[in-house]
PDB file of N, CA and C in Angstrom:
ATOM      1  N   MET A   1     174.255 -19.110 -10.152  1.00  0.00           N
ATOM      2  CA  MET A   1     175.684 -18.830 -10.207  1.00  0.00           C
ATOM      3  C   MET A   1     176.103 -17.914  -9.063  1.00  0.00           C
ATOM      4  N   HIS A   2     175.294 -16.905  -8.761  1.00  0.00           N
ATOM      5  CA  HIS A   2     175.599 -15.952  -7.696  1.00  0.00           C
ATOM      6  C   HIS A   2     175.687 -16.659  -6.342  1.00  0.00           C
ATOM      7  N   LYS A   3     174.775 -17.610  -6.101  1.00  0.00           N
ATOM      8  CA  LYS A   3     174.787 -18.340  -4.827  1.00  0.00           C
ATOM      9  C   LYS A   3     176.076 -19.152  -4.681  1.00  0.00           C
ATOM     10  N   ARG A   4     176.534 -19.733  -5.778  1.00  0.00           N
ATOM     11  CA  ARG A   4     177.784 -20.500  -5.731  1.00  0.00           C
ATOM     12  C   ARG A   4     178.974 -19.602  -5.419  1.00  0.00           C
ATOM     13  N   LEU A   5     178.980 -18.415  -6.005  1.00  0.00           N
ATOM     14  CA  LEU A   5     180.063 -17.473  -5.755  1.00  0.00           C
ATOM     15  C   LEU A   5     180.070 -17.036  -4.290  1.00  0.00           C
ATOM     16  N   VAL A   6     178.899 -16.752  -3.747  1.00  0.00           N
ATOM     17  CA  VAL A   6     178.793 -16.362  -2.342  1.00  0.00           C
ATOM     18  C   VAL A   6     179.273 -17.505  -1.454  1.00  0.00           C
ATOM     19  N   LEU A   7     178.858 -18.724  -1.765  1.00  0.00           N
ATOM     20  CA  LEU A   7     179.281 -19.890  -0.995  1.00  0.00           C
ATOM     21  C   LEU A   7     180.799 -20.073  -1.071  1.00  0.00           C
ATOM     22  N   PHE A   8     181.348 -19.924  -2.271  1.00  0.00           N
ATOM     23  CA  PHE A   8     182.787 -20.066  -2.459  1.00  0.00           C
ATOM     24  C   PHE A   8     183.551 -19.019  -1.651  1.00  0.00           C
ATOM     25  N   VAL A   9     183.127 -17.770  -1.729  1.00  0.00           N
ATOM     26  CA  VAL A   9     183.803 -16.693  -0.997  1.00  0.00           C
ATOM     27  C   VAL A   9     183.684 -16.921   0.504  1.00  0.00           C
ATOM     28  N   SER A  10     182.520 -17.371   0.969  1.00  0.00           N
ATOM     29  CA  SER A  10     182.327 -17.637   2.397  1.00  0.00           C
ATOM     30  C   SER A  10     183.257 -18.750   2.870  1.00  0.00           C
ATOM     31  N   CYS A  11     183.338 -19.816   2.100  1.00  0.00           N
ATOM     32  CA  CYS A  11     184.227 -20.932   2.452  1.00  0.00           C
ATOM     33  C   CYS A  11     185.684 -20.486   2.449  1.00  0.00           C
ATOM     34  N   ALA A  12     186.064 -19.711   1.476  1.00  0.00           N
ATOM     35  CA  ALA A  12     187.441 -19.231   1.391  1.00  0.00           C
ATOM     36  C   ALA A  12     187.783 -18.368   2.601  1.00  0.00           C
ATOM     37  N   ALA A  13     186.836 -17.549   3.042  1.00  0.00           N
ATOM     38  CA  ALA A  13     187.066 -16.699   4.218  1.00  0.00           C
ATOM     39  C   ALA A  13     187.262 -17.550   5.466  1.00  0.00           C
ATOM     40  N   VAL A  14     186.438 -18.564   5.639  1.00  0.00           N
ATOM     41  CA  VAL A  14     186.559 -19.442   6.809  1.00  0.00           C
ATOM     42  C   VAL A  14     187.886 -20.180   6.764  1.00  0.00           C
ATOM     43  N   ILE A  15     188.241 -20.704   5.621  1.00  0.00           N
ATOM     44  CA  ILE A  15     189.500 -21.449   5.478  1.00  0.00           C
ATOM     45  C   ILE A  15     190.692 -20.543   5.771  1.00  0.00           C
ATOM     46  N   SER A  16     190.624 -19.292   5.347  1.00  0.00           N
ATOM     47  CA  SER A  16     191.747 -18.389   5.593  1.00  0.00           C
ATOM     48  C   SER A  16     191.928 -18.097   7.072  1.00  0.00           C
ATOM     49  N   LEU A  17     190.889 -18.264   7.864  1.00  0.00           N
ATOM     50  CA  LEU A  17     190.984 -18.023   9.303  1.00  0.00           C
ATOM     51  C   LEU A  17     191.471 -19.233  10.072  1.00  0.00           C
ATOM     52  N   LEU A  18     191.401 -20.411   9.508  1.00  0.00           N
ATOM     53  CA  LEU A  18     191.748 -21.630  10.223  1.00  0.00           C
ATOM     54  C   LEU A  18     193.152 -21.639  10.806  1.00  0.00           C
ATOM     55  N   PRO A  19     194.183 -21.190  10.096  1.00  0.00           N
ATOM     56  CA  PRO A  19     195.512 -21.253  10.692  1.00  0.00           C
ATOM     57  C   PRO A  19     195.651 -20.465  11.988  1.00  0.00           C
ATOM     58  N   SER A  20     194.792 -19.483  12.214  1.00  0.00           N
ATOM     59  CA  SER A  20     194.904 -18.696  13.431  1.00  0.00           C
ATOM     60  C   SER A  20     194.216 -19.356  14.615  1.00  0.00           C
ATOM     61  N   CYS A  21     193.513 -20.442  14.391  1.00  0.00           N
ATOM     62  CA  CYS A  21     192.809 -21.115  15.476  1.00  0.00           C
ATOM     63  C   CYS A  21     193.734 -22.087  16.183  1.00  0.00           C
ATOM     64  N   GLY A  22     193.752 -22.040  17.500  1.00  0.00           N
ATOM     65  CA  GLY A  22     194.502 -23.015  18.276  1.00  0.00           C
ATOM     66  C   GLY A  22     195.997 -22.862  18.158  1.00  0.00           C
ATOM     67  N   GLU A  23     196.720 -23.865  18.643  1.00  0.00           N
ATOM     68  CA  GLU A  23     198.180 -23.853  18.698  1.00  0.00           C
ATOM     69  C   GLU A  23     198.833 -24.555  17.521  1.00  0.00           C
ATOM     70  N   LYS A  24     198.053 -25.257  16.706  1.00  0.00           N
ATOM     71  CA  LYS A  24     198.654 -26.062  15.649  1.00  0.00           C
ATOM     72  C   LYS A  24     199.301 -25.171  14.594  1.00  0.00           C
ATOM     73  N   ILE A  25     200.474 -25.600  14.163  1.00  0.00           N
ATOM     74  CA  ILE A  25     201.196 -24.896  13.121  1.00  0.00           C
ATOM     75  C   ILE A  25     201.499 -25.885  12.015  1.00  0.00           C
ATOM     76  N   ASP A  26     201.342 -25.442  10.802  1.00  0.00           N
ATOM     77  CA  ASP A  26     201.631 -26.282   9.659  1.00  0.00           C
ATOM     78  C   ASP A  26     203.130 -26.562   9.602  1.00  0.00           C
ATOM     79  N   PRO A  27     203.537 -27.850   9.645  1.00  0.00           N
ATOM     80  CA  PRO A  27     204.969 -28.139   9.600  1.00  0.00           C
ATOM     81  C   PRO A  27     205.632 -27.632   8.329  1.00  0.00           C
ATOM     82  N   MET A  28     204.864 -27.449   7.276  1.00  0.00           N
ATOM     83  CA  MET A  28     205.466 -26.945   6.053  1.00  0.00           C
ATOM     84  C   MET A  28     205.886 -25.489   6.215  1.00  0.00           C
ATOM     85  N   SER A  29     205.291 -24.765   7.170  1.00  0.00           N
ATOM     86  CA  SER A  29     205.751 -23.406   7.434  1.00  0.00           C
ATOM     87  C   SER A  29     207.164 -23.452   8.007  1.00  0.00           C
ATOM     88  N   ALA A  30     207.491 -24.518   8.699  1.00  0.00           N
ATOM     89  CA  ALA A  30     208.845 -24.683   9.218  1.00  0.00           C
ATOM     90  C   ALA A  30     209.829 -24.837   8.070  1.00  0.00           C
ATOM     91  N   VAL A  31     209.405 -25.520   7.016  1.00  0.00           N
ATOM     92  CA  VAL A  31     210.259 -25.672   5.843  1.00  0.00           C
ATOM     93  C   VAL A  31     210.470 -24.308   5.205  1.00  0.00           C
ATOM     94  N   SER A  32     209.423 -23.482   5.148  1.00  0.00           N
ATOM     95  CA  SER A  32     209.556 -22.132   4.607  1.00  0.00           C
ATOM     96  C   SER A  32     210.557 -21.336   5.423  1.00  0.00           C
ATOM     97  N   ASP A  33     210.501 -21.510   6.749  1.00  0.00           N
ATOM     98  CA  ASP A  33     211.413 -20.789   7.627  1.00  0.00           C
ATOM     99  C   ASP A  33     212.859 -21.208   7.421  1.00  0.00           C
ATOM    100  N   THR A  34     213.091 -22.362   6.823  1.00  0.00           N
ATOM    101  CA  THR A  34     214.453 -22.818   6.551  1.00  0.00           C
ATOM    102  C   THR A  34     214.859 -22.491   5.120  1.00  0.00           C
ATOM    103  N   GLY A  35     214.134 -21.572   4.499  1.00  0.00           N
ATOM    104  CA  GLY A  35     214.429 -21.203   3.124  1.00  0.00           C
ATOM    105  C   GLY A  35     213.892 -22.213   2.133  1.00  0.00           C
ATOM    106  N   GLY A  36     212.930 -23.038   2.553  1.00  0.00           N
ATOM    107  CA  GLY A  36     212.340 -24.039   1.676  1.00  0.00           C
ATOM    108  C   GLY A  36     213.167 -25.301   1.581  1.00  0.00           C
ATOM    109  N   GLY A  37     214.267 -25.338   2.315  1.00  0.00           N
ATOM    110  CA  GLY A  37     215.147 -26.496   2.245  1.00  0.00           C
ATOM    111  C   GLY A  37     214.784 -27.580   3.224  1.00  0.00           C
ATOM    112  N   GLN A  38     215.667 -28.526   3.298  1.00  0.00           N
ATOM    113  CA  GLN A  38     215.468 -29.679   4.152  1.00  0.00           C
ATOM    114  C   GLN A  38     215.752 -29.328   5.611  1.00  0.00           C
ATOM    115  N   ILE A  39     214.951 -29.878   6.499  1.00  0.00           N
ATOM    116  CA  ILE A  39     215.167 -29.737   7.929  1.00  0.00           C
ATOM    117  C   ILE A  39     216.074 -30.885   8.343  1.00  0.00           C
ATOM    118  N   THR A  40     217.217 -30.569   8.936  1.00  0.00           N
ATOM    119  CA  THR A  40     218.164 -31.610   9.312  1.00  0.00           C
ATOM    120  C   THR A  40     218.362 -31.664  10.824  1.00  0.00           C
ATOM    121  N   TYR A  41     218.761 -32.837  11.283  1.00  0.00           N
ATOM    122  CA  TYR A  41     219.072 -33.029  12.700  1.00  0.00           C
ATOM    123  C   TYR A  41     220.162 -32.052  13.135  1.00  0.00           C
ATOM    124  N   THR A  42     221.257 -32.027  12.396  1.00  0.00           N
ATOM    125  CA  THR A  42     222.417 -31.247  12.799  1.00  0.00           C
ATOM    126  C   THR A  42     222.121 -29.752  12.864  1.00  0.00           C
ATOM    127  N   GLU A  43     221.473 -29.232  11.850  1.00  0.00           N
ATOM    128  CA  GLU A  43     221.257 -27.780  11.775  1.00  0.00           C
ATOM    129  C   GLU A  43     220.045 -27.295  12.567  1.00  0.00           C
ATOM    130  N   HIS A  44     218.959 -28.065  12.568  1.00  0.00           N
ATOM    131  CA  HIS A  44     217.711 -27.567  13.142  1.00  0.00           C
ATOM    132  C   HIS A  44     217.254 -28.286  14.409  1.00  0.00           C
ATOM    133  N   ILE A  45     217.395 -29.604  14.450  1.00  0.00           N
ATOM    134  CA  ILE A  45     216.809 -30.391  15.534  1.00  0.00           C
ATOM    135  C   ILE A  45     217.719 -30.481  16.752  1.00  0.00           C
ATOM    136  N   LYS A  46     219.001 -30.718  16.558  1.00  0.00           N
ATOM    137  CA  LYS A  46     219.915 -30.831  17.697  1.00  0.00           C
ATOM    138  C   LYS A  46     219.873 -29.591  18.582  1.00  0.00           C
ATOM    139  N   PRO A  47     219.879 -28.377  18.036  1.00  0.00           N
ATOM    140  CA  PRO A  47     219.789 -27.208  18.928  1.00  0.00           C
ATOM    141  C   PRO A  47     218.509 -27.184  19.775  1.00  0.00           C
ATOM    142  N   ILE A  48     217.407 -27.635  19.209  1.00  0.00           N
ATOM    143  CA  ILE A  48     216.148 -27.699  19.962  1.00  0.00           C
ATOM    144  C   ILE A  48     216.277 -28.712  21.099  1.00  0.00           C
ATOM    145  N   LEU A  49     216.835 -29.876  20.787  1.00  0.00           N
ATOM    146  CA  LEU A  49     217.009 -30.916  21.798  1.00  0.00           C
ATOM    147  C   LEU A  49     217.994 -30.482  22.874  1.00  0.00           C
ATOM    148  N   ASP A  50     219.084 -29.833  22.460  1.00  0.00           N
ATOM    149  CA  ASP A  50     220.076 -29.366  23.432  1.00  0.00           C
ATOM    150  C   ASP A  50     219.455 -28.365  24.412  1.00  0.00           C
ATOM    151  N   MET A  51     218.583 -27.521  23.926  1.00  0.00           N
ATOM    152  CA  MET A  51     217.973 -26.490  24.765  1.00  0.00           C
ATOM    153  C   MET A  51     216.886 -27.056  25.679  1.00  0.00           C
ATOM    154  N   ASN A  52     216.156 -28.068  25.204  1.00  0.00           N
ATOM    155  CA  ASN A  52     214.956 -28.499  25.905  1.00  0.00           C
ATOM    156  C   ASN A  52     214.981 -29.912  26.492  1.00  0.00           C
ATOM    157  N   CYS A  53     215.845 -30.789  26.000  1.00  0.00           N
ATOM    158  CA  CYS A  53     215.694 -32.212  26.323  1.00  0.00           C
ATOM    159  C   CYS A  53     216.907 -32.884  26.949  1.00  0.00           C
ATOM    160  N   ILE A  54     218.097 -32.429  26.594  1.00  0.00           N
ATOM    161  CA  ILE A  54     219.322 -33.149  26.934  1.00  0.00           C
ATOM    162  C   ILE A  54     219.592 -33.198  28.431  1.00  0.00           C
ATOM    163  N   ARG A  55     219.105 -32.247  29.189  1.00  0.00           N
ATOM    164  CA  ARG A  55     219.387 -32.287  30.637  1.00  0.00           C
ATOM    165  C   ARG A  55     218.856 -33.576  31.267  1.00  0.00           C
ATOM    166  N   CYS A  56     217.861 -34.212  30.666  1.00  0.00           N
ATOM    167  CA  CYS A  56     217.322 -35.479  31.187  1.00  0.00           C
ATOM    168  C   CYS A  56     217.581 -36.651  30.234  1.00  0.00           C
ATOM    169  N   HIS A  57     217.463 -36.404  28.936  1.00  0.00           N
ATOM    170  CA  HIS A  57     217.526 -37.475  27.937  1.00  0.00           C
ATOM    171  C   HIS A  57     218.920 -37.595  27.320  1.00  0.00           C
ATOM    172  N   THR A  58     219.898 -37.901  28.154  1.00  0.00           N
ATOM    173  CA  THR A  58     221.258 -38.130  27.665  1.00  0.00           C
ATOM    174  C   THR A  58     221.796 -39.422  28.266  1.00  0.00           C
ATOM    175  N   ALA A  59     222.543 -40.155  27.481  1.00  0.00           N
ATOM    176  CA  ALA A  59     223.140 -41.403  27.959  1.00  0.00           C
ATOM    177  C   ALA A  59     224.153 -41.135  29.072  1.00  0.00           C
ATOM    178  N   ALA A  60     224.641 -39.898  29.178  1.00  0.00           N
ATOM    179  CA  ALA A  60     225.618 -39.552  30.213  1.00  0.00           C
ATOM    180  C   ALA A  60     224.993 -39.536  31.609  1.00  0.00           C
ATOM    181  N   ASN A  61     223.679 -39.362  31.689  1.00  0.00           N
ATOM    182  CA  ASN A  61     222.995 -39.328  32.992  1.00  0.00           C
ATOM    183  C   ASN A  61     222.425 -40.697  33.329  1.00  0.00           C
ATOM    184  N   GLN A  62     222.527 -41.056  34.591  1.00  0.00           N
ATOM    185  CA  GLN A  62     221.984 -42.319  35.087  1.00  0.00           C
ATOM    186  C   GLN A  62     221.121 -42.041  36.300  1.00  0.00           C
ATOM    187  N   GLY A  63     220.175 -42.932  36.578  1.00  0.00           N
ATOM    188  CA  GLY A  63     219.364 -42.853  37.785  1.00  0.00           C
ATOM    189  C   GLY A  63     218.636 -41.537  37.953  1.00  0.00           C
ATOM    190  N   GLY A  64     218.759 -40.963  39.158  1.00  0.00           N
ATOM    191  CA  GLY A  64     218.052 -39.738  39.498  1.00  0.00           C
ATOM    192  C   GLY A  64     218.461 -38.536  38.672  1.00  0.00           C
ATOM    193  N   ASP A  65     219.650 -38.574  38.088  1.00  0.00           N
ATOM    194  CA  ASP A  65     220.098 -37.464  37.248  1.00  0.00           C
ATOM    195  C   ASP A  65     219.260 -37.328  35.977  1.00  0.00           C
ATOM    196  N   ARG A  66     218.491 -38.375  35.668  1.00  0.00           N
ATOM    197  CA  ARG A  66     217.648 -38.341  34.466  1.00  0.00           C
ATOM    198  C   ARG A  66     216.282 -37.713  34.755  1.00  0.00           C
ATOM    199  N   ASN A  67     216.011 -37.376  36.011  1.00  0.00           N
ATOM    200  CA  ASN A  67     214.748 -36.727  36.385  1.00  0.00           C
ATOM    201  C   ASN A  67     213.523 -37.496  35.897  1.00  0.00           C
ATOM    202  N   GLY A  68     213.595 -38.812  35.954  1.00  0.00           N
ATOM    203  CA  GLY A  68     212.470 -39.649  35.569  1.00  0.00           C
ATOM    204  C   GLY A  68     212.446 -40.062  34.104  1.00  0.00           C
ATOM    205  N   ALA A  69     213.381 -39.572  33.291  1.00  0.00           N
ATOM    206  CA  ALA A  69     213.425 -39.967  31.881  1.00  0.00           C
ATOM    207  C   ALA A  69     213.765 -41.447  31.785  1.00  0.00           C
ATOM    208  N   PRO A  70     213.044 -42.203  30.948  1.00  0.00           N
ATOM    209  CA  PRO A  70     213.352 -43.627  30.794  1.00  0.00           C
ATOM    210  C   PRO A  70     214.793 -43.821  30.329  1.00  0.00           C
ATOM    211  N   PRO A  71     215.463 -44.844  30.843  1.00  0.00           N
ATOM    212  CA  PRO A  71     216.876 -45.049  30.502  1.00  0.00           C
ATOM    213  C   PRO A  71     217.114 -45.341  29.025  1.00  0.00           C
ATOM    214  N   ASP A  72     216.091 -45.777  28.315  1.00  0.00           N
ATOM    215  CA  ASP A  72     216.267 -46.103  26.896  1.00  0.00           C
ATOM    216  C   ASP A  72     215.840 -44.965  25.967  1.00  0.00           C
ATOM    217  N   VAL A  73     215.526 -43.793  26.507  1.00  0.00           N
ATOM    218  CA  VAL A  73     215.111 -42.655  25.673  1.00  0.00           C
ATOM    219  C   VAL A  73     216.164 -41.558  25.786  1.00  0.00           C
ATOM    220  N   ASN A  74     217.108 -41.596  24.842  1.00  0.00           N
ATOM    221  CA  ASN A  74     218.187 -40.617  24.801  1.00  0.00           C
ATOM    222  C   ASN A  74     218.095 -39.822  23.506  1.00  0.00           C
ATOM    223  N   LEU A  75     218.366 -38.534  23.636  1.00  0.00           N
ATOM    224  CA  LEU A  75     218.245 -37.632  22.489  1.00  0.00           C
ATOM    225  C   LEU A  75     219.535 -36.853  22.270  1.00  0.00           C
ATOM    226  N   ASP A  76     220.660 -37.461  22.640  1.00  0.00           N
ATOM    227  CA  ASP A  76     221.922 -36.739  22.558  1.00  0.00           C
ATOM    228  C   ASP A  76     222.762 -37.073  21.333  1.00  0.00           C
ATOM    229  N   THR A  77     222.332 -38.011  20.516  1.00  0.00           N
ATOM    230  CA  THR A  77     223.016 -38.291  19.249  1.00  0.00           C
ATOM    231  C   THR A  77     221.968 -38.452  18.154  1.00  0.00           C
ATOM    232  N   TYR A  78     222.410 -38.321  16.920  1.00  0.00           N
ATOM    233  CA  TYR A  78     221.485 -38.508  15.799  1.00  0.00           C
ATOM    234  C   TYR A  78     220.861 -39.895  15.850  1.00  0.00           C
ATOM    235  N   ASN A  79     221.688 -40.943  15.999  1.00  0.00           N
ATOM    236  CA  ASN A  79     221.161 -42.310  15.964  1.00  0.00           C
ATOM    237  C   ASN A  79     220.174 -42.578  17.090  1.00  0.00           C
ATOM    238  N   SER A  80     220.497 -42.111  18.306  1.00  0.00           N
ATOM    239  CA  SER A  80     219.580 -42.359  19.416  1.00  0.00           C
ATOM    240  C   SER A  80     218.281 -41.569  19.242  1.00  0.00           C
ATOM    241  N   THR A  81     218.359 -40.403  18.630  1.00  0.00           N
ATOM    242  CA  THR A  81     217.155 -39.604  18.393  1.00  0.00           C
ATOM    243  C   THR A  81     216.273 -40.262  17.343  1.00  0.00           C
ATOM    244  N   VAL A  82     216.878 -40.788  16.292  1.00  0.00           N
ATOM    245  CA  VAL A  82     216.092 -41.477  15.258  1.00  0.00           C
ATOM    246  C   VAL A  82     215.379 -42.693  15.843  1.00  0.00           C
ATOM    247  N   GLU A  83     216.059 -43.418  16.735  1.00  0.00           N
ATOM    248  CA  GLU A  83     215.455 -44.607  17.351  1.00  0.00           C
ATOM    249  C   GLU A  83     214.156 -44.289  18.084  1.00  0.00           C
ATOM    250  N   VAL A  84     214.088 -43.137  18.711  1.00  0.00           N
ATOM    251  CA  VAL A  84     212.908 -42.777  19.507  1.00  0.00           C
ATOM    252  C   VAL A  84     212.175 -41.563  18.939  1.00  0.00           C
ATOM    253  N   GLY A  85     212.517 -41.180  17.714  1.00  0.00           N
ATOM    254  CA  GLY A  85     211.991 -39.954  17.120  1.00  0.00           C
ATOM    255  C   GLY A  85     210.477 -39.862  17.073  1.00  0.00           C
ATOM    256  N   LEU A  86     209.823 -40.935  16.625  1.00  0.00           N
ATOM    257  CA  LEU A  86     208.361 -40.895  16.528  1.00  0.00           C
ATOM    258  C   LEU A  86     207.720 -40.797  17.906  1.00  0.00           C
ATOM    259  N   ARG A  87     208.273 -41.549  18.842  1.00  0.00           N
ATOM    260  CA  ARG A  87     207.771 -41.525  20.226  1.00  0.00           C
ATOM    261  C   ARG A  87     207.989 -40.145  20.855  1.00  0.00           C
ATOM    262  N   ALA A  88     209.173 -39.581  20.654  1.00  0.00           N
ATOM    263  CA  ALA A  88     209.478 -38.253  21.188  1.00  0.00           C
ATOM    264  C   ALA A  88     208.577 -37.210  20.538  1.00  0.00           C
ATOM    265  N   ASN A  89     208.362 -37.332  19.238  1.00  0.00           N
ATOM    266  CA  ASN A  89     207.536 -36.364  18.526  1.00  0.00           C
ATOM    267  C   ASN A  89     206.106 -36.340  19.065  1.00  0.00           C
ATOM    268  N   ALA A  90     205.572 -37.505  19.397  1.00  0.00           N
ATOM    269  CA  ALA A  90     204.212 -37.553  19.946  1.00  0.00           C
ATOM    270  C   ALA A  90     204.128 -36.730  21.223  1.00  0.00           C
ATOM    271  N   ARG A  91     205.124 -36.850  22.085  1.00  0.00           N
ATOM    272  CA  ARG A  91     205.138 -36.091  23.347  1.00  0.00           C
ATOM    273  C   ARG A  91     205.395 -34.607  23.089  1.00  0.00           C
ATOM    274  N   ILE A  92     206.276 -34.307  22.151  1.00  0.00           N
ATOM    275  CA  ILE A  92     206.578 -32.914  21.822  1.00  0.00           C
ATOM    276  C   ILE A  92     205.335 -32.225  21.263  1.00  0.00           C
ATOM    277  N   GLN A  93     204.670 -32.893  20.309  1.00  0.00           N
ATOM    278  CA  GLN A  93     203.485 -32.293  19.695  1.00  0.00           C
ATOM    279  C   GLN A  93     202.342 -32.138  20.695  1.00  0.00           C
ATOM    280  N   ALA A  94     202.264 -33.044  21.662  1.00  0.00           N
ATOM    281  CA  ALA A  94     201.218 -32.965  22.686  1.00  0.00           C
ATOM    282  C   ALA A  94     201.514 -31.876  23.718  1.00  0.00           C
ATOM    283  N   GLY A  95     202.732 -31.347  23.696  1.00  0.00           N
ATOM    284  CA  GLY A  95     203.114 -30.310  24.647  1.00  0.00           C
ATOM    285  C   GLY A  95     203.443 -30.841  26.029  1.00  0.00           C
ATOM    286  N   THR A  96     203.687 -32.158  26.122  1.00  0.00           N
ATOM    287  CA  THR A  96     203.984 -32.752  27.431  1.00  0.00           C
ATOM    288  C   THR A  96     205.485 -32.903  27.681  1.00  0.00           C
ATOM    289  N   MET A  97     206.291 -32.521  26.727  1.00  0.00           N
ATOM    290  CA  MET A  97     207.740 -32.552  26.906  1.00  0.00           C
ATOM    291  C   MET A  97     208.300 -31.203  26.539  1.00  0.00           C
ATOM    292  N   PRO A  98     209.197 -30.676  27.328  1.00  0.00           N
ATOM    293  CA  PRO A  98     209.585 -31.141  28.646  1.00  0.00           C
ATOM    294  C   PRO A  98     208.447 -30.954  29.653  1.00  0.00           C
ATOM    295  N   PRO A  99     208.377 -31.858  30.626  1.00  0.00           N
ATOM    296  CA  PRO A  99     207.271 -31.812  31.582  1.00  0.00           C
ATOM    297  C   PRO A  99     207.293 -30.538  32.428  1.00  0.00           C
ATOM    298  N   GLY A 100     206.091 -30.083  32.752  1.00  0.00           N
ATOM    299  CA  GLY A 100     205.943 -28.927  33.623  1.00  0.00           C
ATOM    300  C   GLY A 100     206.236 -27.585  32.983  1.00  0.00           C
ATOM    301  N   THR A 101     206.486 -27.578  31.687  1.00  0.00           N
ATOM    302  CA  THR A 101     206.846 -26.322  31.012  1.00  0.00           C
ATOM    303  C   THR A 101     205.798 -25.858  30.011  1.00  0.00           C
ATOM    304  N   GLY A 102     204.830 -26.707  29.712  1.00  0.00           N
ATOM    305  CA  GLY A 102     203.881 -26.393  28.648  1.00  0.00           C
ATOM    306  C   GLY A 102     204.430 -26.745  27.277  1.00  0.00           C
ATOM    307  N   GLY A 103     205.587 -27.386  27.267  1.00  0.00           N
ATOM    308  CA  GLY A 103     206.169 -27.841  26.010  1.00  0.00           C
ATOM    309  C   GLY A 103     207.107 -26.821  25.392  1.00  0.00           C
ATOM    310  N   ILE A 104     207.715 -27.239  24.304  1.00  0.00           N
ATOM    311  CA  ILE A 104     208.619 -26.339  23.589  1.00  0.00           C
ATOM    312  C   ILE A 104     207.789 -25.388  22.731  1.00  0.00           C
ATOM    313  N   PRO A 105     208.357 -24.270  22.320  1.00  0.00           N
ATOM    314  CA  PRO A 105     207.599 -23.302  21.521  1.00  0.00           C
ATOM    315  C   PRO A 105     207.023 -23.920  20.247  1.00  0.00           C
ATOM    316  N   SER A 106     205.895 -23.396  19.823  1.00  0.00           N
ATOM    317  CA  SER A 106     205.173 -23.969  18.688  1.00  0.00           C
ATOM    318  C   SER A 106     205.992 -23.969  17.406  1.00  0.00           C
ATOM    319  N   ASP A 107     206.846 -22.969  17.188  1.00  0.00           N
ATOM    320  CA  ASP A 107     207.652 -22.967  15.968  1.00  0.00           C
ATOM    321  C   ASP A 107     208.674 -24.108  15.988  1.00  0.00           C
ATOM    322  N   GLU A 108     209.194 -24.425  17.177  1.00  0.00           N
ATOM    323  CA  GLU A 108     210.135 -25.541  17.294  1.00  0.00           C
ATOM    324  C   GLU A 108     209.409 -26.876  17.173  1.00  0.00           C
ATOM    325  N   ARG A 109     208.188 -26.958  17.694  1.00  0.00           N
ATOM    326  CA  ARG A 109     207.382 -28.177  17.500  1.00  0.00           C
ATOM    327  C   ARG A 109     207.142 -28.400  16.013  1.00  0.00           C
ATOM    328  N   ALA A 110     206.860 -27.326  15.295  1.00  0.00           N
ATOM    329  CA  ALA A 110     206.627 -27.448  13.853  1.00  0.00           C
ATOM    330  C   ALA A 110     207.880 -27.909  13.126  1.00  0.00           C
ATOM    331  N   LEU A 111     209.037 -27.395  13.539  1.00  0.00           N
ATOM    332  CA  LEU A 111     210.292 -27.853  12.925  1.00  0.00           C
ATOM    333  C   LEU A 111     210.505 -29.337  13.174  1.00  0.00           C
ATOM    334  N   PHE A 112     210.259 -29.778  14.404  1.00  0.00           N
ATOM    335  CA  PHE A 112     210.445 -31.194  14.730  1.00  0.00           C
ATOM    336  C   PHE A 112     209.497 -32.049  13.884  1.00  0.00           C
ATOM    337  N   GLN A 113     208.248 -31.630  13.762  1.00  0.00           N
ATOM    338  CA  GLN A 113     207.287 -32.371  12.941  1.00  0.00           C
ATOM    339  C   GLN A 113     207.730 -32.393  11.485  1.00  0.00           C
ATOM    340  N   GLY A 114     208.205 -31.263  10.987  1.00  0.00           N
ATOM    341  CA  GLY A 114     208.705 -31.212   9.611  1.00  0.00           C
ATOM    342  C   GLY A 114     209.873 -32.160   9.399  1.00  0.00           C
ATOM    343  N   TRP A 115     210.766 -32.241  10.389  1.00  0.00           N
ATOM    344  CA  TRP A 115     211.906 -33.157  10.300  1.00  0.00           C
ATOM    345  C   TRP A 115     211.431 -34.600  10.234  1.00  0.00           C
ATOM    346  N   ILE A 116     210.458 -34.951  11.072  1.00  0.00           N
ATOM    347  CA  ILE A 116     209.874 -36.302  11.041  1.00  0.00           C
ATOM    348  C   ILE A 116     209.267 -36.565   9.669  1.00  0.00           C
ATOM    349  N   ASP A 117     208.486 -35.605   9.182  1.00  0.00           N
ATOM    350  CA  ASP A 117     207.797 -35.760   7.890  1.00  0.00           C
ATOM    351  C   ASP A 117     208.786 -35.925   6.742  1.00  0.00           C
ATOM    352  N   GLN A 118     209.969 -35.337   6.870  1.00  0.00           N
ATOM    353  CA  GLN A 118     210.990 -35.436   5.811  1.00  0.00           C
ATOM    354  C   GLN A 118     211.853 -36.683   5.945  1.00  0.00           C
ATOM    355  N   GLY A 119     211.541 -37.536   6.914  1.00  0.00           N
ATOM    356  CA  GLY A 119     212.281 -38.799   7.048  1.00  0.00           C
ATOM    357  C   GLY A 119     213.465 -38.716   7.992  1.00  0.00           C
ATOM    358  N   MET A 120     213.542 -37.712   8.841  1.00  0.00           N
ATOM    359  CA  MET A 120     214.576 -37.537   9.860  1.00  0.00           C
ATOM    360  C   MET A 120     215.996 -37.482   9.276  1.00  0.00           C
ATOM    361  N   PRO A 121     216.230 -36.609   8.305  1.00  0.00           N
ATOM    362  CA  PRO A 121     217.584 -36.534   7.733  1.00  0.00           C
ATOM    363  C   PRO A 121     218.614 -35.989   8.722  1.00  0.00           C
ATOM    364  N   GLU A 122     219.829 -36.509   8.575  1.00  0.00           N
ATOM    365  CA  GLU A 122     220.906 -36.086   9.472  1.00  0.00           C
ATOM    366  C   GLU A 122     221.391 -34.705   9.077  1.00  0.00           C
TER     367      GLU A 122
END
């Protein structure tokens, strides 16, 4: 019995340290940061996109003004963001968007992931 208790305590200690390893953040912590409520495009995601993505990913920009952003990847409206949400999230979570910046802050990445996980509510 004593060996099992030691093993259990050891495992619990290791597990408690896991969140501090690396850059990954639990998207559910983003839900906690919103008071446990739903993460919405309007309240949480649009401000992140406006700050980090819209200068290139807007339908208002054409050609060179898009800084290499594909013409079909726009993040300036709810509908256009939902259309490319999973694709955008992969780049956001990988830290490759916006390019050359190291990505958006980890707490904002977690919010975006939480929004995806909740079904991308408006």
